[in-house]
Protein backbone atom coordinates (compact mmCIF):
# COMPACT_ATOMS: atom_id res chain seq x y z
CA MET A 1 -193.99 -146.44 -61.44
CA GLY A 2 -195.31 -143.92 -64.00
CA ASP A 3 -195.74 -140.16 -63.98
CA PRO A 4 -196.52 -138.87 -60.45
CA SER A 5 -199.14 -136.50 -61.84
CA GLN A 6 -201.12 -139.51 -62.93
CA SER A 7 -203.73 -141.12 -60.67
CA PRO A 8 -202.57 -144.28 -58.84
CA THR A 9 -204.87 -146.38 -61.06
CA ASP A 10 -203.39 -144.86 -64.22
CA GLN A 11 -199.88 -145.48 -62.96
CA LEU A 12 -200.70 -149.16 -62.31
CA THR A 13 -202.37 -149.47 -65.69
CA GLU A 14 -199.27 -148.21 -67.33
CA THR A 15 -197.00 -150.38 -65.20
CA GLY A 16 -199.15 -153.44 -66.02
CA ARG A 17 -198.88 -152.83 -69.74
CA GLU A 18 -195.11 -152.34 -69.47
CA PHE A 19 -194.70 -155.53 -67.38
CA TYR A 20 -196.74 -157.40 -69.97
CA ARG A 21 -194.70 -155.95 -72.86
CA ARG A 22 -191.51 -157.18 -71.16
CA SER A 23 -193.04 -160.60 -70.41
CA TRP A 24 -192.77 -159.93 -66.65
CA ALA A 25 -196.45 -160.55 -66.19
CA ARG A 26 -198.19 -163.02 -68.54
CA GLY A 27 -201.97 -163.09 -68.95
CA ALA A 28 -203.83 -162.58 -65.71
CA SER A 29 -201.04 -163.82 -63.46
CA GLY A 30 -199.77 -161.67 -60.64
CA ASN A 31 -201.39 -158.50 -59.17
CA PHE A 32 -200.50 -154.90 -58.51
CA SER A 33 -201.57 -152.53 -55.74
CA VAL A 34 -200.86 -148.99 -54.62
CA LEU A 35 -201.39 -147.56 -51.16
CA LEU A 36 -204.05 -144.87 -51.13
CA ALA A 37 -204.11 -144.17 -47.42
CA ARG A 38 -202.40 -145.58 -44.32
CA LYS A 39 -204.99 -144.61 -41.64
CA PRO A 40 -207.43 -145.99 -42.29
CA LEU A 41 -205.66 -148.43 -44.58
CA ARG A 42 -206.94 -148.17 -48.19
CA LEU A 43 -205.44 -149.53 -51.37
CA SER A 44 -206.18 -149.89 -54.97
CA ILE A 45 -205.50 -153.43 -56.26
CA THR A 46 -206.06 -155.25 -59.55
CA ALA A 47 -209.13 -157.43 -59.58
CA ALA A 48 -208.69 -161.09 -60.08
CA GLY A 49 -208.64 -162.47 -63.62
CA ASN A 50 -207.58 -159.44 -65.63
CA GLU A 51 -204.81 -159.52 -68.20
CA LYS A 52 -202.04 -157.12 -67.20
CA GLY A 53 -201.51 -155.95 -70.84
CA THR A 54 -205.03 -154.65 -71.18
CA LEU A 55 -205.69 -153.05 -67.80
CA ASP A 56 -207.83 -149.94 -67.49
CA GLU A 57 -209.64 -148.12 -64.68
CA THR A 58 -212.36 -150.66 -64.51
CA ASN A 59 -209.93 -153.47 -63.50
CA PHE A 60 -209.15 -152.08 -60.02
CA LEU A 61 -210.74 -152.42 -56.66
CA GLU A 62 -210.41 -150.06 -53.71
CA ILE A 63 -210.27 -152.16 -50.64
CA ASP A 64 -209.97 -151.53 -46.87
CA ASP A 65 -207.88 -153.09 -44.10
CA ASP A 66 -210.27 -156.15 -43.93
CA ALA A 67 -210.09 -156.74 -47.77
CA GLU A 68 -213.64 -155.49 -48.11
CA ILE A 69 -214.36 -153.84 -51.46
CA LEU A 70 -215.13 -150.16 -51.13
CA GLN A 71 -215.29 -149.37 -54.81
CA GLY A 72 -214.99 -151.31 -58.09
CA LEU A 73 -216.34 -154.46 -59.66
CA GLY A 74 -214.84 -157.97 -59.49
CA ARG A 75 -213.18 -159.99 -56.71
CA PRO A 76 -209.93 -159.45 -54.92
CA SER A 77 -207.20 -161.88 -55.88
CA ASP A 78 -206.09 -164.60 -53.60
CA GLU A 79 -202.90 -162.61 -52.82
CA THR A 80 -204.82 -159.57 -51.56
CA LEU A 81 -204.06 -160.59 -47.92
CA PHE A 82 -200.36 -160.71 -48.68
CA HIS A 83 -200.59 -157.08 -50.03
CA LEU A 84 -202.35 -155.95 -46.85
CA ALA A 85 -199.79 -157.72 -44.60
CA ILE A 86 -196.89 -156.10 -46.46
CA TYR A 87 -198.39 -152.62 -46.19
CA ARG A 88 -199.00 -153.23 -42.43
CA LEU A 89 -195.45 -154.50 -41.81
CA ARG A 90 -193.47 -152.24 -44.03
CA PRO A 91 -194.38 -148.63 -43.30
CA LYS A 92 -192.41 -147.38 -46.26
CA ALA A 93 -194.13 -149.60 -48.81
CA ARG A 94 -196.25 -147.54 -51.28
CA CYS A 95 -196.75 -150.01 -54.13
CA ILE A 96 -196.57 -153.70 -54.70
CA LEU A 97 -195.95 -155.30 -58.10
CA TYR A 98 -196.46 -159.03 -57.66
CA SER A 99 -195.52 -161.05 -60.69
CA GLN A 100 -195.50 -164.86 -61.03
CA THR A 101 -192.83 -165.18 -63.67
CA VAL A 102 -189.19 -166.10 -63.69
CA TRP A 103 -188.43 -162.50 -64.47
CA GLY A 104 -190.47 -161.36 -61.46
CA MET A 105 -188.54 -163.73 -59.24
CA MET A 106 -185.23 -162.41 -60.60
CA LEU A 107 -186.37 -158.75 -59.90
CA SER A 108 -187.40 -159.76 -56.35
CA ASP A 109 -184.00 -161.34 -55.76
CA LYS A 110 -182.15 -158.33 -57.11
CA TYR A 111 -184.05 -155.70 -55.11
CA PHE A 112 -184.69 -157.59 -51.89
CA VAL A 113 -183.50 -155.66 -48.91
CA GLU A 114 -182.74 -157.65 -45.73
CA ARG A 115 -184.57 -156.27 -42.67
CA SER A 116 -181.90 -154.93 -40.33
CA SER A 117 -183.77 -155.32 -37.05
């Protein structure tokens, strides 16, 4: 992701624009999230229906472990529950960049790590 001195939302905004520029995320497809806290579980996730190439701080929701909106306007995407499940099951996960493009699938295949246990 972007510069670690940036806020999580700024990092996701920059990442969304870069994914859009590279055609890895087209239009409003896909969604991005970043873990804000593990206990209690809190994350910032793109709200549904926003183009990734024009993201700004108003396009994110802070949600809790039950997918309840704590902050922000809009609605969570249909994949929000997948994001929550990944953060619960993968303790080292800090960010999820979900893209629904051929390029996204290729990146997933390339960087997939088989669970050893």
